[in-house]
């Protein structure tokens, strides 16, 4: 819980509506990489959205053999 508490407010807010159950350490690492590339927190959060949707699409293709609507993205 301490790791979560150390996250920036905008990242904690993003996590509150995340589709997947991210660990604080994982989301911080992904955010830091995206922020280093973009230099902008909003763009970094959009990159987290993209990463998350890509993971959902991968999982949907595996579980539902491509029959789930999320499997069509990416």
PDB file of N, CA and C in Angstrom:
ATOM      1  N   UNK A   1       0.813  -1.182   0.000  1.00  0.00           N
ATOM      2  CA  UNK A   1       0.000   0.000   0.000  1.00  0.00           C
ATOM      3  C   UNK A   1       0.866   1.259   0.000  1.00  0.00           C
ATOM      4  N   UNK A   2       2.032   1.179   0.600  1.00  0.00           N
ATOM      5  CA  UNK A   2       2.922   2.337   0.622  1.00  0.00           C
ATOM      6  C   UNK A   2       3.382   2.702  -0.780  1.00  0.00           C
ATOM      7  N   UNK A   3       3.619   1.678  -1.617  1.00  0.00           N
ATOM      8  CA  UNK A   3       4.017   1.957  -3.004  1.00  0.00           C
ATOM      9  C   UNK A   3       2.912   2.705  -3.736  1.00  0.00           C
ATOM     10  N   UNK A   4       1.686   2.287  -3.524  1.00  0.00           N
ATOM     11  CA  UNK A   4       0.542   2.964  -4.134  1.00  0.00           C
ATOM     12  C   UNK A   4       0.470   4.412  -3.649  1.00  0.00           C
ATOM     13  N   UNK A   5       0.657   4.622  -2.356  1.00  0.00           N
ATOM     14  CA  UNK A   5       0.585   5.969  -1.788  1.00  0.00           C
ATOM     15  C   UNK A   5       1.657   6.895  -2.340  1.00  0.00           C
ATOM     16  N   UNK A   6       2.767   6.334  -2.803  1.00  0.00           N
ATOM     17  CA  UNK A   6       3.857   7.152  -3.349  1.00  0.00           C
ATOM     18  C   UNK A   6       3.654   7.515  -4.825  1.00  0.00           C
ATOM     19  N   UNK A   7       2.644   6.936  -5.465  1.00  0.00           N
ATOM     20  CA  UNK A   7       2.385   7.251  -6.870  1.00  0.00           C
ATOM     21  C   UNK A   7       1.890   8.685  -6.998  1.00  0.00           C
ATOM     22  N   UNK A   8       2.191   9.333  -8.131  1.00  0.00           N
ATOM     23  CA  UNK A   8       1.658  10.674  -8.370  1.00  0.00           C
ATOM     24  C   UNK A   8       0.124  10.626  -8.386  1.00  0.00           C
ATOM     25  N   UNK A   9      -0.503  11.715  -8.016  1.00  0.00           N
ATOM     26  CA  UNK A   9      -1.966  11.765  -7.932  1.00  0.00           C
ATOM     27  C   UNK A   9      -2.640  11.376  -9.248  1.00  0.00           C
ATOM     28  N   UNK A  10      -2.109  11.866 -10.371  1.00  0.00           N
ATOM     29  CA  UNK A  10      -2.745  11.540 -11.654  1.00  0.00           C
ATOM     30  C   UNK A  10      -2.644  10.054 -11.977  1.00  0.00           C
ATOM     31  N   UNK A  11      -1.600   9.410 -11.519  1.00  0.00           N
ATOM     32  CA  UNK A  11      -1.450   7.978 -11.753  1.00  0.00           C
ATOM     33  C   UNK A  11      -2.381   7.181 -10.834  1.00  0.00           C
ATOM     34  N   UNK A  12      -2.541   7.621  -9.602  1.00  0.00           N
ATOM     35  CA  UNK A  12      -3.503   6.962  -8.700  1.00  0.00           C
ATOM     36  C   UNK A  12      -4.918   7.113  -9.247  1.00  0.00           C
ATOM     37  N   UNK A  13      -5.210   8.267  -9.794  1.00  0.00           N
ATOM     38  CA  UNK A  13      -6.521   8.496 -10.395  1.00  0.00           C
ATOM     39  C   UNK A  13      -6.737   7.579 -11.597  1.00  0.00           C
ATOM     40  N   UNK A  14      -5.720   7.440 -12.434  1.00  0.00           N
ATOM     41  CA  UNK A  14      -5.811   6.553 -13.592  1.00  0.00           C
ATOM     42  C   UNK A  14      -6.062   5.115 -13.131  1.00  0.00           C
ATOM     43  N   UNK A  15      -5.354   4.689 -12.091  1.00  0.00           N
ATOM     44  CA  UNK A  15      -5.509   3.327 -11.576  1.00  0.00           C
ATOM     45  C   UNK A  15      -6.917   3.068 -11.055  1.00  0.00           C
ATOM     46  N   UNK A  16      -7.553   4.084 -10.520  1.00  0.00           N
ATOM     47  CA  UNK A  16      -8.905   3.922  -9.974  1.00  0.00           C
ATOM     48  C   UNK A  16      -9.901   3.480 -11.037  1.00  0.00           C
ATOM     49  N   UNK A  17      -9.629   3.815 -12.298  1.00  0.00           N
ATOM     50  CA  UNK A  17     -10.538   3.407 -13.364  1.00  0.00           C
ATOM     51  C   UNK A  17      -9.896   2.410 -14.335  1.00  0.00           C
ATOM     52  N   UNK A  18      -8.777   1.852 -13.954  1.00  0.00           N
ATOM     53  CA  UNK A  18      -8.086   0.894 -14.824  1.00  0.00           C
ATOM     54  C   UNK A  18      -8.927  -0.377 -14.998  1.00  0.00           C
ATOM     55  N   UNK A  19      -8.814  -0.970 -16.159  1.00  0.00           N
ATOM     56  CA  UNK A  19      -9.538  -2.203 -16.464  1.00  0.00           C
ATOM     57  C   UNK A  19      -8.860  -3.401 -15.802  1.00  0.00           C
ATOM     58  N   UNK A  20      -7.550  -3.388 -15.814  1.00  0.00           N
ATOM     59  CA  UNK A  20      -6.774  -4.499 -15.271  1.00  0.00           C
ATOM     60  C   UNK A  20      -6.289  -4.191 -13.852  1.00  0.00           C
ATOM     61  N   UNK A  21      -6.004  -5.208 -13.071  1.00  0.00           N
ATOM     62  CA  UNK A  21      -5.516  -5.001 -11.696  1.00  0.00           C
ATOM     63  C   UNK A  21      -4.006  -4.783 -11.662  1.00  0.00           C
ATOM     64  N   UNK A  22      -3.568  -3.604 -12.029  1.00  0.00           N
ATOM     65  CA  UNK A  22      -2.145  -3.278 -12.062  1.00  0.00           C
ATOM     66  C   UNK A  22      -1.568  -3.261 -10.656  1.00  0.00           C
ATOM     67  N   UNK A  23      -0.344  -3.723 -10.517  1.00  0.00           N
ATOM     68  CA  UNK A  23       0.400  -3.521  -9.269  1.00  0.00           C
ATOM     69  C   UNK A  23       1.020  -2.135  -9.334  1.00  0.00           C
ATOM     70  N   UNK A  24       1.168  -1.512  -8.179  1.00  0.00           N
ATOM     71  CA  UNK A  24       1.726  -0.153  -8.126  1.00  0.00           C
ATOM     72  C   UNK A  24       3.103  -0.098  -8.780  1.00  0.00           C
ATOM     73  N   UNK A  25       3.925  -1.095  -8.527  1.00  0.00           N
ATOM     74  CA  UNK A  25       5.284  -1.110  -9.081  1.00  0.00           C
ATOM     75  C   UNK A  25       5.252  -1.207 -10.611  1.00  0.00           C
ATOM     76  N   UNK A  26       4.370  -2.045 -11.139  1.00  0.00           N
ATOM     77  CA  UNK A  26       4.274  -2.233 -12.587  1.00  0.00           C
ATOM     78  C   UNK A  26       3.765  -0.990 -13.293  1.00  0.00           C
ATOM     79  N   UNK A  27       2.719  -0.390 -12.732  1.00  0.00           N
ATOM     80  CA  UNK A  27       2.164   0.792 -13.378  1.00  0.00           C
ATOM     81  C   UNK A  27       3.143   1.961 -13.292  1.00  0.00           C
ATOM     82  N   UNK A  28       3.880   2.051 -12.209  1.00  0.00           N
ATOM     83  CA  UNK A  28       4.869   3.127 -12.078  1.00  0.00           C
ATOM     84  C   UNK A  28       5.980   2.969 -13.113  1.00  0.00           C
ATOM     85  N   UNK A  29       6.427   1.736 -13.306  1.00  0.00           N
ATOM     86  CA  UNK A  29       7.487   1.461 -14.282  1.00  0.00           C
ATOM     87  C   UNK A  29       7.016   1.816 -15.695  1.00  0.00           C
ATOM     88  N   UNK A  30       5.803   1.382 -16.048  1.00  0.00           N
ATOM     89  CA  UNK A  30       5.267   1.666 -17.379  1.00  0.00           C
ATOM     90  C   UNK A  30       5.049   3.166 -17.570  1.00  0.00           C
ATOM     91  N   UNK A  31       4.547   3.824 -16.557  1.00  0.00           N
ATOM     92  CA  UNK A  31       4.320   5.271 -16.615  1.00  0.00           C
ATOM     93  C   UNK A  31       5.639   6.018 -16.767  1.00  0.00           C
ATOM     94  N   UNK A  32       6.628   5.637 -15.975  1.00  0.00           N
ATOM     95  CA  UNK A  32       7.933   6.309 -16.047  1.00  0.00           C
ATOM     96  C   UNK A  32       8.557   6.166 -17.431  1.00  0.00           C
ATOM     97  N   UNK A  33       8.448   4.975 -18.030  1.00  0.00           N
ATOM     98  CA  UNK A  33       8.977   4.777 -19.388  1.00  0.00           C
ATOM     99  C   UNK A  33       8.231   5.642 -20.394  1.00  0.00           C
ATOM    100  N   UNK A  34       6.909   5.654 -20.283  1.00  0.00           N
ATOM    101  CA  UNK A  34       6.104   6.451 -21.212  1.00  0.00           C
ATOM    102  C   UNK A  34       6.376   7.945 -21.022  1.00  0.00           C
ATOM    103  N   UNK A  35       6.528   8.366 -19.785  1.00  0.00           N
ATOM    104  CA  UNK A  35       6.799   9.772 -19.509  1.00  0.00           C
ATOM    105  C   UNK A  35       8.190  10.171 -20.022  1.00  0.00           C
ATOM    106  N   UNK A  36       9.144   9.284 -19.875  1.00  0.00           N
ATOM    107  CA  UNK A  36      10.492   9.569 -20.367  1.00  0.00           C
ATOM    108  C   UNK A  36      10.484   9.740 -21.893  1.00  0.00           C
ATOM    109  N   UNK A  37       9.653   8.961 -22.580  1.00  0.00           N
ATOM    110  CA  UNK A  37       9.552   9.063 -24.038  1.00  0.00           C
ATOM    111  C   UNK A  37       8.811  10.317 -24.471  1.00  0.00           C
ATOM    112  N   UNK A  38       7.739  10.656 -23.758  1.00  0.00           N
ATOM    113  CA  UNK A  38       6.870  11.735 -24.215  1.00  0.00           C
ATOM    114  C   UNK A  38       7.140  13.077 -23.542  1.00  0.00           C
ATOM    115  N   UNK A  39       7.605  13.042 -22.295  1.00  0.00           N
ATOM    116  CA  UNK A  39       7.810  14.272 -21.547  1.00  0.00           C
ATOM    117  C   UNK A  39       6.514  14.934 -21.110  1.00  0.00           C
ATOM    118  N   UNK A  40       5.403  14.196 -21.208  1.00  0.00           N
ATOM    119  CA  UNK A  40       4.089  14.760 -20.897  1.00  0.00           C
ATOM    120  C   UNK A  40       3.257  13.730 -20.138  1.00  0.00           C
ATOM    121  N   UNK A  41       2.706  14.123 -18.997  1.00  0.00           N
ATOM    122  CA  UNK A  41       1.967  13.159 -18.175  1.00  0.00           C
ATOM    123  C   UNK A  41       0.683  12.689 -18.855  1.00  0.00           C
ATOM    124  N   UNK A  42      -0.012  13.563 -19.573  1.00  0.00           N
ATOM    125  CA  UNK A  42      -1.239  13.154 -20.268  1.00  0.00           C
ATOM    126  C   UNK A  42      -0.934  12.120 -21.355  1.00  0.00           C
ATOM    127  N   UNK A  43       0.119  12.352 -22.102  1.00  0.00           N
ATOM    128  CA  UNK A  43       0.506  11.387 -23.140  1.00  0.00           C
ATOM    129  C   UNK A  43       0.951  10.078 -22.506  1.00  0.00           C
ATOM    130  N   UNK A  44       1.628  10.155 -21.378  1.00  0.00           N
ATOM    131  CA  UNK A  44       2.057   8.938 -20.685  1.00  0.00           C
ATOM    132  C   UNK A  44       0.843   8.132 -20.228  1.00  0.00           C
ATOM    133  N   UNK A  45      -0.189   8.806 -19.744  1.00  0.00           N
ATOM    134  CA  UNK A  45      -1.407   8.108 -19.323  1.00  0.00           C
ATOM    135  C   UNK A  45      -2.131   7.501 -20.523  1.00  0.00           C
ATOM    136  N   UNK A  46      -2.115   8.191 -21.647  1.00  0.00           N
ATOM    137  CA  UNK A  46      -2.703   7.612 -22.867  1.00  0.00           C
ATOM    138  C   UNK A  46      -1.928   6.370 -23.305  1.00  0.00           C
ATOM    139  N   UNK A  47      -0.622   6.390 -23.105  1.00  0.00           N
ATOM    140  CA  UNK A  47       0.193   5.206 -23.419  1.00  0.00           C
ATOM    141  C   UNK A  47      -0.199   4.048 -22.504  1.00  0.00           C
ATOM    142  N   UNK A  48      -0.475   4.326 -21.235  1.00  0.00           N
ATOM    143  CA  UNK A  48      -0.952   3.274 -20.328  1.00  0.00           C
ATOM    144  C   UNK A  48      -2.287   2.713 -20.809  1.00  0.00           C
ATOM    145  N   UNK A  49      -3.163   3.581 -21.293  1.00  0.00           N
ATOM    146  CA  UNK A  49      -4.428   3.110 -21.862  1.00  0.00           C
ATOM    147  C   UNK A  49      -4.165   2.155 -23.021  1.00  0.00           C
ATOM    148  N   UNK A  50      -3.253   2.551 -23.897  1.00  0.00           N
ATOM    149  CA  UNK A  50      -2.934   1.711 -25.066  1.00  0.00           C
ATOM    150  C   UNK A  50      -2.377   0.367 -24.635  1.00  0.00           C
ATOM    151  N   UNK A  51      -1.450   0.375 -23.676  1.00  0.00           N
ATOM    152  CA  UNK A  51      -0.848  -0.868 -23.167  1.00  0.00           C
ATOM    153  C   UNK A  51      -1.925  -1.767 -22.582  1.00  0.00           C
ATOM    154  N   UNK A  52      -2.794  -1.169 -21.791  1.00  0.00           N
ATOM    155  CA  UNK A  52      -3.846  -1.936 -21.133  1.00  0.00           C
ATOM    156  C   UNK A  52      -4.807  -2.556 -22.151  1.00  0.00           C
ATOM    157  N   UNK A  53      -5.246  -1.779 -23.139  1.00  0.00           N
ATOM    158  CA  UNK A  53      -6.161  -2.301 -24.149  1.00  0.00           C
ATOM    159  C   UNK A  53      -5.503  -3.387 -24.996  1.00  0.00           C
ATOM    160  N   UNK A  54      -4.222  -3.250 -25.261  1.00  0.00           N
ATOM    161  CA  UNK A  54      -3.506  -4.288 -26.013  1.00  0.00           C
ATOM    162  C   UNK A  54      -3.464  -5.589 -25.213  1.00  0.00           C
ATOM    163  N   UNK A  55      -3.272  -5.497 -23.904  1.00  0.00           N
ATOM    164  CA  UNK A  55      -3.252  -6.696 -23.066  1.00  0.00           C
ATOM    165  C   UNK A  55      -4.634  -7.352 -23.020  1.00  0.00           C
ATOM    166  N   UNK A  56      -5.669  -6.556 -22.912  1.00  0.00           N
ATOM    167  CA  UNK A  56      -7.033  -7.095 -22.914  1.00  0.00           C
ATOM    168  C   UNK A  56      -7.308  -7.801 -24.238  1.00  0.00           C
ATOM    169  N   UNK A  57      -6.893  -7.200 -25.343  1.00  0.00           N
ATOM    170  CA  UNK A  57      -7.102  -7.812 -26.657  1.00  0.00           C
ATOM    171  C   UNK A  57      -6.352  -9.136 -26.773  1.00  0.00           C
ATOM    172  N   UNK A  58      -5.102  -9.170 -26.280  1.00  0.00           N
ATOM    173  CA  UNK A  58      -4.336 -10.429 -26.305  1.00  0.00           C
ATOM    174  C   UNK A  58      -5.040 -11.507 -25.496  1.00  0.00           C
ATOM    175  N   UNK A  59      -5.479 -11.132 -24.301  1.00  0.00           N
ATOM    176  CA  UNK A  59      -6.170 -12.096 -23.441  1.00  0.00           C
ATOM    177  C   UNK A  59      -7.480 -12.569 -24.070  1.00  0.00           C
ATOM    178  N   UNK A  60      -8.212 -11.654 -24.681  1.00  0.00           N
ATOM    179  CA  UNK A  60      -9.488 -12.007 -25.306  1.00  0.00           C
ATOM    180  C   UNK A  60      -9.281 -12.989 -26.455  1.00  0.00           C
ATOM    181  N   UNK A  61      -8.230 -12.773 -27.234  1.00  0.00           N
ATOM    182  CA  UNK A  61      -7.957 -13.713 -28.333  1.00  0.00           C
ATOM    183  C   UNK A  61      -7.639 -15.102 -27.800  1.00  0.00           C
ATOM    184  N   UNK A  62      -6.911 -15.176 -26.691  1.00  0.00           N
ATOM    185  CA  UNK A  62      -6.558 -16.473 -26.105  1.00  0.00           C
ATOM    186  C   UNK A  62      -7.772 -17.160 -25.501  1.00  0.00           C
ATOM    187  N   UNK A  63      -8.542 -16.426 -24.721  1.00  0.00           N
ATOM    188  CA  UNK A  63      -9.654 -17.011 -23.969  1.00  0.00           C
ATOM    189  C   UNK A  63     -10.851 -17.306 -24.862  1.00  0.00           C
ATOM    190  N   UNK A  64     -11.212 -16.362 -25.728  1.00  0.00           N
ATOM    191  CA  UNK A  64     -12.412 -16.512 -26.541  1.00  0.00           C
ATOM    192  C   UNK A  64     -12.099 -16.803 -28.001  1.00  0.00           C
ATOM    193  N   UNK A  65     -10.880 -17.159 -28.290  1.00  0.00           N
ATOM    194  CA  UNK A  65     -10.475 -17.509 -29.651  1.00  0.00           C
ATOM    195  C   UNK A  65     -10.873 -16.432 -30.656  1.00  0.00           C
ATOM    196  N   UNK A  66     -10.705 -15.181 -30.253  1.00  0.00           N
ATOM    197  CA  UNK A  66     -10.982 -14.074 -31.159  1.00  0.00           C
ATOM    198  C   UNK A  66     -12.438 -13.690 -31.290  1.00  0.00           C
ATOM    199  N   UNK A  67     -13.342 -14.318 -30.535  1.00  0.00           N
ATOM    200  CA  UNK A  67     -14.780 -14.051 -30.665  1.00  0.00           C
ATOM    201  C   UNK A  67     -15.268 -12.908 -29.784  1.00  0.00           C
ATOM    202  N   UNK A  68     -14.446 -12.430 -28.901  1.00  0.00           N
ATOM    203  CA  UNK A  68     -14.819 -11.312 -28.030  1.00  0.00           C
ATOM    204  C   UNK A  68     -14.532 -10.004 -28.752  1.00  0.00           C
ATOM    205  N   UNK A  69     -15.391  -8.983 -28.602  1.00  0.00           N
ATOM    206  CA  UNK A  69     -15.159  -7.701 -29.302  1.00  0.00           C
ATOM    207  C   UNK A  69     -13.799  -7.082 -29.005  1.00  0.00           C
ATOM    208  N   UNK A  70     -13.267  -7.272 -27.814  1.00  0.00           N
ATOM    209  CA  UNK A  70     -11.951  -6.698 -27.474  1.00  0.00           C
ATOM    210  C   UNK A  70     -10.826  -7.360 -28.259  1.00  0.00           C
ATOM    211  N   UNK A  71     -11.052  -8.542 -28.778  1.00  0.00           N
ATOM    212  CA  UNK A  71     -10.010  -9.242 -29.519  1.00  0.00           C
ATOM    213  C   UNK A  71      -9.728  -8.560 -30.850  1.00  0.00           C
ATOM    214  N   UNK A  72     -10.628  -7.714 -31.302  1.00  0.00           N
ATOM    215  CA  UNK A  72     -10.466  -7.045 -32.593  1.00  0.00           C
ATOM    216  C   UNK A  72      -9.512  -5.868 -32.530  1.00  0.00           C
ATOM    217  N   UNK A  73      -9.275  -5.304 -31.332  1.00  0.00           N
ATOM    218  CA  UNK A  73      -8.377  -4.159 -31.211  1.00  0.00           C
ATOM    219  C   UNK A  73      -6.934  -4.616 -31.202  1.00  0.00           C
ATOM    220  N   UNK A  74      -6.072  -3.722 -31.547  1.00  0.00           N
ATOM    221  CA  UNK A  74      -4.593  -3.869 -31.559  1.00  0.00           C
ATOM    222  C   UNK A  74      -4.034  -4.251 -32.885  1.00  0.00           C
TER     223      UNK A  74
END
